[in-house]
Amino acid sequence: MLDVKGKWALVTGAARGIGYGVAMCLAEHGCNLILQGRTKEHCDKVLADVKALGVSAFVVSAEFSDLEQVENMLKDIDDLNVPVDIILNNAGIQVAYRTEYLKTPASDYEESFKINTIAPMMILYHFLPKMEERGFGRIVNTTSGIRLEPEQAGYSASKAALDKVTTDLAEKYDGTDICINITDPGWCRTDLGGPKAPNSPESSLPGVVIGAFIDDKKSGRNFAAPDFHGLTLEEAVKKAQENYPRYTGTIGF
């Protein structure tokens, strides 16, 4: 299992829910953090909590529906002059549940794709050249297992697109020490998942962070968090490295 102590990770959507849990898990293992929220104030609690664990941390802000703000955020991160070794793209939005799905507006797709697909890929394209120079990187994009629900077309289409572009890109890095994978946290009770979801945000761990800790030079997998629920991080990483196949586009749950 990779030792992340002293490395720097960018966690998007870090203010609460799954992103908060990801940030805390990394901090517990000594990883320094760049925490993204829609505003810096949203990240006050997570910033204080990770610093209390003894790591260094900064906060950056951007509303991902505004791609100019994403560009400005990337410049702000560059100005920190720290190496971004690990990226966990957790931020996302579910714009609406359309009971009358044949009336789904185009804006559902526009908003969903900007936040769920374009913004995370902008982040990857920005930092990958620097990872190549250092010969190291870990990238995890968060996907969704939602399927066969036209009521959530904008959301599910944007996540399917993220799966496609991420795994296509991952093929270029497979076999190197830049590992690019996706993770599906399952349906959790977050602001996005809603109060009726069957799982707590904590149930997504350790599955959603496995991609930061793997050390087998393999890319293009979908680490479905329910497969790892109840395992220690060490057990989960071992399972992922020994038994987890490349993602083929089929969602099992």
C-alpha atoms as a PDB file:
ATOM      1  CA  MET A   1       0.000   0.000   0.000  1.00  0.00           C
ATOM      2  CA  LEU A   2       1.273   3.443  -0.921  1.00  0.00           C
ATOM      3  CA  ASP A   3       2.517   5.663   1.901  1.00  0.00           C
ATOM      4  CA  VAL A   4       0.920   9.077   1.306  1.00  0.00           C
ATOM      5  CA  LYS A   5       2.597  10.819   4.240  1.00  0.00           C
ATOM      6  CA  GLY A   6       3.952  14.191   3.126  1.00  0.00           C
ATOM      7  CA  LYS A   7       2.281  14.069  -0.275  1.00  0.00           C
ATOM      8  CA  TRP A   8      -0.257  16.653  -1.426  1.00  0.00           C
ATOM      9  CA  ALA A   9      -3.823  15.795  -2.418  1.00  0.00           C
ATOM     10  CA  LEU A  10      -6.515  17.954  -3.998  1.00  0.00           C
ATOM     11  CA  VAL A  11      -9.966  16.964  -2.769  1.00  0.00           C
ATOM     12  CA  THR A  12     -12.923  18.620  -4.486  1.00  0.00           C
ATOM     13  CA  GLY A  13     -16.267  18.841  -2.708  1.00  0.00           C
ATOM     14  CA  ALA A  14     -14.373  18.544   0.572  1.00  0.00           C
ATOM     15  CA  ALA A  15     -16.695  20.602   2.763  1.00  0.00           C
ATOM     16  CA  ARG A  16     -19.074  17.816   3.756  1.00  0.00           C
ATOM     17  CA  GLY A  17     -20.376  14.332   3.078  1.00  0.00           C
ATOM     18  CA  ILE A  18     -18.149  11.924   1.202  1.00  0.00           C
ATOM     19  CA  GLY A  19     -15.565  14.589   0.376  1.00  0.00           C
ATOM     20  CA  TYR A  20     -15.173  15.415   4.061  1.00  0.00           C
ATOM     21  CA  GLY A  21     -14.617  11.734   4.857  1.00  0.00           C
ATOM     22  CA  VAL A  22     -12.044  11.449   2.080  1.00  0.00           C
ATOM     23  CA  ALA A  23     -10.146  14.484   3.383  1.00  0.00           C
ATOM     24  CA  MET A  24     -10.116  13.156   6.930  1.00  0.00           C
ATOM     25  CA  CYS A  25      -8.940   9.710   5.837  1.00  0.00           C
ATOM     26  CA  LEU A  26      -6.041  11.184   3.879  1.00  0.00           C
ATOM     27  CA  ALA A  27      -5.107  13.491   6.754  1.00  0.00           C
ATOM     28  CA  GLU A  28      -5.122  10.561   9.176  1.00  0.00           C
ATOM     29  CA  HIS A  29      -2.450   9.001   6.962  1.00  0.00           C
ATOM     30  CA  GLY A  30      -0.316  12.135   6.944  1.00  0.00           C
ATOM     31  CA  CYS A  31      -1.309  13.497   3.549  1.00  0.00           C
ATOM     32  CA  ASN A  32      -1.315  17.286   3.114  1.00  0.00           C
ATOM     33  CA  LEU A  33      -4.449  18.706   1.550  1.00  0.00           C
ATOM     34  CA  ILE A  34      -5.833  21.275  -0.852  1.00  0.00           C
ATOM     35  CA  LEU A  35      -9.537  21.460  -0.059  1.00  0.00           C
ATOM     36  CA  GLN A  36     -12.033  22.781  -2.600  1.00  0.00           C
ATOM     37  CA  GLY A  37     -15.463  24.147  -1.839  1.00  0.00           C
ATOM     38  CA  ARG A  38     -17.888  26.473  -3.582  1.00  0.00           C
ATOM     39  CA  THR A  39     -16.725  29.132  -1.128  1.00  0.00           C
ATOM     40  CA  LYS A  40     -13.782  29.112   1.243  1.00  0.00           C
ATOM     41  CA  GLU A  41     -16.148  29.541   4.184  1.00  0.00           C
ATOM     42  CA  HIS A  42     -17.798  26.210   3.363  1.00  0.00           C
ATOM     43  CA  CYS A  43     -14.479  24.508   4.144  1.00  0.00           C
ATOM     44  CA  ASP A  44     -13.854  26.124   7.547  1.00  0.00           C
ATOM     45  CA  LYS A  45     -14.714  22.968   9.498  1.00  0.00           C
ATOM     46  CA  VAL A  46     -12.826  20.472   7.350  1.00  0.00           C
ATOM     47  CA  LEU A  47      -9.793  22.773   7.276  1.00  0.00           C
ATOM     48  CA  ALA A  48      -9.715  22.974  11.066  1.00  0.00           C
ATOM     49  CA  ASP A  49     -10.297  19.232  11.453  1.00  0.00           C
ATOM     50  CA  VAL A  50      -7.521  18.109   9.090  1.00  0.00           C
ATOM     51  CA  LYS A  51      -5.053  20.612  10.553  1.00  0.00           C
ATOM     52  CA  ALA A  52      -5.820  19.203  13.988  1.00  0.00           C
ATOM     53  CA  LEU A  53      -4.395  15.920  12.676  1.00  0.00           C
ATOM     54  CA  GLY A  54      -1.051  17.622  12.049  1.00  0.00           C
ATOM     55  CA  VAL A  55      -1.042  18.021   8.268  1.00  0.00           C
ATOM     56  CA  SER A  56      -0.678  21.166   6.197  1.00  0.00           C
ATOM     57  CA  ALA A  57      -3.769  22.312   4.334  1.00  0.00           C
ATOM     58  CA  PHE A  58      -5.074  25.089   2.124  1.00  0.00           C
ATOM     59  CA  VAL A  59      -8.544  25.972   0.892  1.00  0.00           C
ATOM     60  CA  VAL A  60      -9.458  27.012  -2.652  1.00  0.00           C
ATOM     61  CA  SER A  61     -12.885  27.922  -3.947  1.00  0.00           C
ATOM     62  CA  ALA A  62     -14.735  27.616  -7.230  1.00  0.00           C
ATOM     63  CA  GLU A  63     -18.297  27.173  -8.408  1.00  0.00           C
ATOM     64  CA  PHE A  64     -17.831  24.402 -10.965  1.00  0.00           C
ATOM     65  CA  SER A  65     -20.763  25.528 -13.092  1.00  0.00           C
ATOM     66  CA  ASP A  66     -18.650  28.596 -13.902  1.00  0.00           C
ATOM     67  CA  LEU A  67     -15.674  27.284 -15.860  1.00  0.00           C
ATOM     68  CA  GLU A  68     -13.846  30.596 -15.530  1.00  0.00           C
ATOM     69  CA  GLN A  69     -13.889  30.061 -11.781  1.00  0.00           C
ATOM     70  CA  VAL A  70     -12.390  26.604 -12.335  1.00  0.00           C
ATOM     71  CA  GLU A  71      -9.552  28.160 -14.364  1.00  0.00           C
ATOM     72  CA  ASN A  72      -8.946  30.735 -11.641  1.00  0.00           C
ATOM     73  CA  MET A  73      -8.910  28.002  -9.005  1.00  0.00           C
ATOM     74  CA  LEU A  74      -6.238  26.112 -10.930  1.00  0.00           C
ATOM     75  CA  LYS A  75      -4.108  29.269 -11.011  1.00  0.00           C
ATOM     76  CA  ASP A  76      -4.600  29.689  -7.268  1.00  0.00           C
ATOM     77  CA  ILE A  77      -3.387  26.127  -6.711  1.00  0.00           C
ATOM     78  CA  ASP A  78      -0.335  26.742  -8.897  1.00  0.00           C
ATOM     79  CA  ASP A  79       0.450  29.786  -6.763  1.00  0.00           C
ATOM     80  CA  LEU A  80       0.642  27.558  -3.675  1.00  0.00           C
ATOM     81  CA  ASN A  81       3.850  26.063  -5.123  1.00  0.00           C
ATOM     82  CA  VAL A  82       3.155  22.565  -3.852  1.00  0.00           C
ATOM     83  CA  PRO A  83       3.125  19.379  -5.957  1.00  0.00           C
ATOM     84  CA  VAL A  84      -0.355  17.988  -6.535  1.00  0.00           C
ATOM     85  CA  ASP A  85       0.387  14.276  -6.197  1.00  0.00           C
ATOM     86  CA  ILE A  86      -3.159  12.992  -5.702  1.00  0.00           C
ATOM     87  CA  ILE A  87      -6.517  14.183  -7.051  1.00  0.00           C
ATOM     88  CA  LEU A  88      -9.870  13.029  -5.741  1.00  0.00           C
ATOM     89  CA  ASN A  89     -12.634  14.610  -7.799  1.00  0.00           C
ATOM     90  CA  ASN A  90     -15.596  14.217  -5.481  1.00  0.00           C
ATOM     91  CA  ALA A  91     -17.590  17.395  -6.217  1.00  0.00           C
ATOM     92  CA  GLY A  92     -20.788  16.820  -8.172  1.00  0.00           C
ATOM     93  CA  ILE A  93     -24.405  17.816  -8.562  1.00  0.00           C
ATOM     94  CA  GLN A  94     -27.738  16.108  -9.154  1.00  0.00           C
ATOM     95  CA  VAL A  95     -29.742  18.966 -10.635  1.00  0.00           C
ATOM     96  CA  ALA A  96     -33.250  17.465 -10.457  1.00  0.00           C
ATOM     97  CA  TYR A  97     -35.414  14.363 -10.346  1.00  0.00           C
ATOM     98  CA  ARG A  98     -37.832  14.740 -13.268  1.00  0.00           C
ATOM     99  CA  THR A  99     -40.978  12.673 -12.760  1.00  0.00           C
ATOM    100  CA  GLU A 100     -42.127  14.001 -16.132  1.00  0.00           C
ATOM    101  CA  TYR A 101     -38.851  12.967 -17.714  1.00  0.00           C
ATOM    102  CA  LEU A 102     -39.988  13.691 -21.291  1.00  0.00           C
ATOM    103  CA  LYS A 103     -39.996  17.337 -20.263  1.00  0.00           C
ATOM    104  CA  THR A 104     -36.359  17.273 -19.099  1.00  0.00           C
ATOM    105  CA  PRO A 105     -34.920  20.705 -19.979  1.00  0.00           C
ATOM    106  CA  ALA A 106     -31.650  21.122 -21.845  1.00  0.00           C
ATOM    107  CA  SER A 107     -30.334  23.061 -18.855  1.00  0.00           C
ATOM    108  CA  ASP A 108     -30.234  19.806 -16.827  1.00  0.00           C
ATOM    109  CA  TYR A 109     -27.622  18.503 -19.242  1.00  0.00           C
ATOM    110  CA  GLU A 110     -25.717  21.777 -19.506  1.00  0.00           C
ATOM    111  CA  GLU A 111     -25.366  22.208 -15.747  1.00  0.00           C
ATOM    112  CA  SER A 112     -24.634  18.543 -15.078  1.00  0.00           C
ATOM    113  CA  PHE A 113     -21.951  18.246 -17.720  1.00  0.00           C
ATOM    114  CA  LYS A 114     -20.138  21.397 -16.635  1.00  0.00           C
ATOM    115  CA  ILE A 115     -19.960  20.315 -12.992  1.00  0.00           C
ATOM    116  CA  ASN A 116     -19.768  16.521 -13.251  1.00  0.00           C
ATOM    117  CA  THR A 117     -17.716  16.038 -16.421  1.00  0.00           C
ATOM    118  CA  ILE A 118     -15.969  19.133 -17.736  1.00  0.00           C
ATOM    119  CA  ALA A 119     -14.658  20.613 -14.469  1.00  0.00           C
ATOM    120  CA  PRO A 120     -13.020  17.378 -13.230  1.00  0.00           C
ATOM    121  CA  MET A 121     -11.436  16.783 -16.615  1.00  0.00           C
ATOM    122  CA  MET A 122     -10.103  20.352 -16.683  1.00  0.00           C
ATOM    123  CA  ILE A 123      -8.411  19.544 -13.381  1.00  0.00           C
ATOM    124  CA  LEU A 124      -6.883  16.347 -14.767  1.00  0.00           C
ATOM    125  CA  TYR A 125      -5.605  17.992 -17.935  1.00  0.00           C
ATOM    126  CA  HIS A 126      -4.024  20.765 -15.882  1.00  0.00           C
ATOM    127  CA  PHE A 127      -2.092  18.583 -13.446  1.00  0.00           C
ATOM    128  CA  LEU A 128      -1.243  15.508 -15.502  1.00  0.00           C
ATOM    129  CA  PRO A 129       1.741  17.100 -17.323  1.00  0.00           C
ATOM    130  CA  LYS A 130       3.321  17.913 -13.952  1.00  0.00           C
ATOM    131  CA  MET A 131       2.636  14.392 -12.718  1.00  0.00           C
ATOM    132  CA  GLU A 132       4.373  13.092 -15.824  1.00  0.00           C
ATOM    133  CA  GLU A 133       7.434  15.230 -15.066  1.00  0.00           C
ATOM    134  CA  ARG A 134       7.636  13.781 -11.542  1.00  0.00           C
ATOM    135  CA  GLY A 135       6.732  10.264 -12.683  1.00  0.00           C
ATOM    136  CA  PHE A 136       4.006   9.903 -10.071  1.00  0.00           C
ATOM    137  CA  GLY A 137       0.309  10.564  -9.611  1.00  0.00           C
ATOM    138  CA  ARG A 138      -2.954   9.160  -8.303  1.00  0.00           C
ATOM    139  CA  ILE A 139      -6.303  10.318  -9.728  1.00  0.00           C
ATOM    140  CA  VAL A 140      -9.766   9.161  -8.680  1.00  0.00           C
ATOM    141  CA  ASN A 141     -12.932  10.477 -10.328  1.00  0.00           C
ATOM    142  CA  THR A 142     -16.235   9.823  -8.561  1.00  0.00           C
ATOM    143  CA  THR A 143     -18.935   8.194 -10.677  1.00  0.00           C
ATOM    144  CA  SER A 144     -22.447   6.871  -9.991  1.00  0.00           C
ATOM    145  CA  GLY A 145     -24.196   3.529 -10.273  1.00  0.00           C
ATOM    146  CA  ILE A 146     -27.491   5.136 -11.312  1.00  0.00           C
ATOM    147  CA  ARG A 147     -28.863   3.592 -14.486  1.00  0.00           C
ATOM    148  CA  LEU A 148     -32.219   2.935 -16.162  1.00  0.00           C
ATOM    149  CA  GLU A 149     -33.657   6.106 -14.601  1.00  0.00           C
ATOM    150  CA  PRO A 150     -34.566   8.709 -17.234  1.00  0.00           C
ATOM    151  CA  GLU A 151     -35.821  10.812 -14.331  1.00  0.00           C
ATOM    152  CA  GLN A 152     -32.158  11.630 -13.645  1.00  0.00           C
ATOM    153  CA  ALA A 153     -30.974  11.856 -17.225  1.00  0.00           C
ATOM    154  CA  GLY A 154     -28.717  14.902 -16.897  1.00  0.00           C
ATOM    155  CA  TYR A 155     -26.914  13.492 -13.891  1.00  0.00           C
ATOM    156  CA  SER A 156     -26.513   9.926 -15.128  1.00  0.00           C
ATOM    157  CA  ALA A 157     -25.420  11.027 -18.608  1.00  0.00           C
ATOM    158  CA  SER A 158     -22.776  13.347 -17.193  1.00  0.00           C
ATOM    159  CA  LYS A 159     -21.419  10.590 -14.955  1.00  0.00           C
ATOM    160  CA  ALA A 160     -21.430   8.094 -17.844  1.00  0.00           C
ATOM    161  CA  ALA A 161     -19.450  10.625 -19.866  1.00  0.00           C
ATOM    162  CA  LEU A 162     -17.000  11.035 -16.987  1.00  0.00           C
ATOM    163  CA  ASP A 163     -16.563   7.247 -16.864  1.00  0.00           C
ATOM    164  CA  LYS A 164     -15.799   7.174 -20.579  1.00  0.00           C
ATOM    165  CA  VAL A 165     -13.292  10.013 -20.753  1.00  0.00           C
ATOM    166  CA  THR A 166     -11.578   8.904 -17.531  1.00  0.00           C
ATOM    167  CA  THR A 167     -11.125   5.269 -18.534  1.00  0.00           C
ATOM    168  CA  ASP A 168     -10.072   6.231 -22.057  1.00  0.00           C
ATOM    169  CA  LEU A 169      -7.417   8.515 -20.591  1.00  0.00           C
ATOM    170  CA  ALA A 170      -6.441   5.871 -18.043  1.00  0.00           C
ATOM    171  CA  GLU A 171      -5.450   3.518 -20.871  1.00  0.00           C
ATOM    172  CA  LYS A 172      -2.625   5.899 -21.775  1.00  0.00           C
ATOM    173  CA  TYR A 173      -1.146   5.630 -18.278  1.00  0.00           C
ATOM    174  CA  ASP A 174      -1.742   1.971 -17.463  1.00  0.00           C
ATOM    175  CA  GLY A 175       1.525   0.378 -16.378  1.00  0.00           C
ATOM    176  CA  THR A 176       2.999   3.652 -15.131  1.00  0.00           C
ATOM    177  CA  ASP A 177       3.123   5.123 -11.639  1.00  0.00           C
ATOM    178  CA  ILE A 178       0.338   7.527 -12.609  1.00  0.00           C
ATOM    179  CA  CYS A 179      -2.791   5.564 -11.705  1.00  0.00           C
ATOM    180  CA  ILE A 180      -6.151   6.867 -12.951  1.00  0.00           C
ATOM    181  CA  ASN A 181      -9.316   5.165 -11.745  1.00  0.00           C
ATOM    182  CA  ILE A 182     -12.945   5.854 -10.866  1.00  0.00           C
ATOM    183  CA  THR A 183     -14.978   5.104  -7.768  1.00  0.00           C
ATOM    184  CA  ASP A 184     -18.674   4.620  -7.111  1.00  0.00           C
ATOM    185  CA  PRO A 185     -19.579   5.471  -3.508  1.00  0.00           C
ATOM    186  CA  GLY A 186     -23.037   3.925  -3.745  1.00  0.00           C
ATOM    187  CA  TRP A 187     -26.266   5.694  -2.818  1.00  0.00           C
ATOM    188  CA  CYS A 188     -25.451   7.678   0.306  1.00  0.00           C
ATOM    189  CA  ARG A 189     -27.361  10.137   2.479  1.00  0.00           C
ATOM    190  CA  THR A 190     -25.620  13.287   1.316  1.00  0.00           C
ATOM    191  CA  ASP A 191     -26.915  16.595  -0.039  1.00  0.00           C
ATOM    192  CA  LEU A 192     -26.732  14.969  -3.473  1.00  0.00           C
ATOM    193  CA  GLY A 193     -28.091  11.531  -2.522  1.00  0.00           C
ATOM    194  CA  GLY A 194     -30.910  12.842  -0.351  1.00  0.00           C
ATOM    195  CA  PRO A 195     -32.308  11.685   3.007  1.00  0.00           C
ATOM    196  CA  LYS A 196     -33.893   8.485   1.653  1.00  0.00           C
ATOM    197  CA  ALA A 197     -30.607   6.927   0.556  1.00  0.00           C
ATOM    198  CA  PRO A 198     -29.918   3.611   2.317  1.00  0.00           C
ATOM    199  CA  ASN A 199     -26.258   4.226   3.128  1.00  0.00           C
ATOM    200  CA  SER A 200     -24.419   6.692   5.338  1.00  0.00           C
ATOM    201  CA  PRO A 201     -21.577   8.745   3.848  1.00  0.00           C
ATOM    202  CA  GLU A 202     -19.208   6.853   6.133  1.00  0.00           C
ATOM    203  CA  SER A 203     -20.099   3.592   4.353  1.00  0.00           C
ATOM    204  CA  SER A 204     -18.283   4.844   1.262  1.00  0.00           C
ATOM    205  CA  LEU A 205     -14.977   4.446   3.099  1.00  0.00           C
ATOM    206  CA  PRO A 206     -12.527   2.951   2.481  1.00  0.00           C
ATOM    207  CA  GLY A 207     -13.741   2.275  -1.062  1.00  0.00           C
ATOM    208  CA  VAL A 208     -13.691   5.862  -2.303  1.00  0.00           C
ATOM    209  CA  VAL A 209     -10.053   6.416  -1.289  1.00  0.00           C
ATOM    210  CA  ILE A 210      -8.525   3.149  -2.500  1.00  0.00           C
ATOM    211  CA  GLY A 211      -7.325   4.784  -5.700  1.00  0.00           C
ATOM    212  CA  ALA A 212      -5.090   7.108  -3.689  1.00  0.00           C
ATOM    213  CA  PHE A 213      -3.354   4.217  -1.930  1.00  0.00           C
ATOM    214  CA  ILE A 214      -2.940   1.563  -4.618  1.00  0.00           C
ATOM    215  CA  ASP A 215       0.625   0.842  -5.661  1.00  0.00           C
ATOM    216  CA  ASP A 216       0.329  -1.586  -8.558  1.00  0.00           C
ATOM    217  CA  LYS A 217       0.649   0.704 -11.618  1.00  0.00           C
ATOM    218  CA  LYS A 218      -2.824  -0.267 -12.888  1.00  0.00           C
ATOM    219  CA  SER A 219      -5.403   2.177 -14.223  1.00  0.00           C
ATOM    220  CA  GLY A 220      -8.936   2.078 -15.590  1.00  0.00           C
ATOM    221  CA  ARG A 221     -10.800   0.377 -12.742  1.00  0.00           C
ATOM    222  CA  ASN A 222     -14.058   1.291 -10.999  1.00  0.00           C
ATOM    223  CA  PHE A 223     -13.707   0.806  -7.261  1.00  0.00           C
ATOM    224  CA  ALA A 224     -17.309   0.279  -6.133  1.00  0.00           C
ATOM    225  CA  ALA A 225     -17.328   1.287  -2.473  1.00  0.00           C
ATOM    226  CA  PRO A 226     -19.927  -1.298  -1.334  1.00  0.00           C
ATOM    227  CA  ASP A 227     -17.459  -4.026  -2.343  1.00  0.00           C
ATOM    228  CA  PHE A 228     -15.065  -2.812   0.351  1.00  0.00           C
ATOM    229  CA  HIS A 229     -17.441  -1.827   3.153  1.00  0.00           C
ATOM    230  CA  GLY A 230     -16.306  -3.157   6.526  1.00  0.00           C
ATOM    231  CA  LEU A 231     -12.699  -3.720   5.467  1.00  0.00           C
ATOM    232  CA  THR A 232      -9.712  -1.870   6.833  1.00  0.00           C
ATOM    233  CA  LEU A 233      -7.926   0.350   4.340  1.00  0.00           C
ATOM    234  CA  GLU A 234      -5.074  -2.152   4.144  1.00  0.00           C
ATOM    235  CA  GLU A 235      -7.492  -5.017   3.465  1.00  0.00           C
ATOM    236  CA  ALA A 236      -9.352  -2.954   0.858  1.00  0.00           C
ATOM    237  CA  VAL A 237      -6.194  -2.002  -1.025  1.00  0.00           C
ATOM    238  CA  LYS A 238      -5.041  -5.619  -1.009  1.00  0.00           C
ATOM    239  CA  LYS A 239      -8.407  -6.765  -2.389  1.00  0.00           C
ATOM    240  CA  ALA A 240      -8.366  -4.073  -5.058  1.00  0.00           C
ATOM    241  CA  GLN A 241      -4.866  -4.910  -6.225  1.00  0.00           C
ATOM    242  CA  GLU A 242      -5.355  -8.673  -6.269  1.00  0.00           C
ATOM    243  CA  ASN A 243      -8.930  -9.134  -7.439  1.00  0.00           C
ATOM    244  CA  TYR A 244     -10.322  -6.020  -9.100  1.00  0.00           C
ATOM    245  CA  PRO A 245     -10.758  -6.091 -12.892  1.00  0.00           C
ATOM    246  CA  ARG A 246     -10.579  -3.245 -15.354  1.00  0.00           C
ATOM    247  CA  TYR A 247     -13.826  -1.350 -15.785  1.00  0.00           C
ATOM    248  CA  THR A 248     -15.855  -2.464 -18.811  1.00  0.00           C
ATOM    249  CA  GLY A 249     -18.782  -0.055 -18.536  1.00  0.00           C
ATOM    250  CA  THR A 250     -21.078  -2.499 -16.726  1.00  0.00           C
ATOM    251  CA  ILE A 251     -22.474  -1.363 -13.385  1.00  0.00           C
ATOM    252  CA  GLY A 252     -23.122  -4.263 -11.047  1.00  0.00           C
ATOM    253  CA  PHE A 253     -25.483  -2.616  -8.579  1.00  0.00           C
END
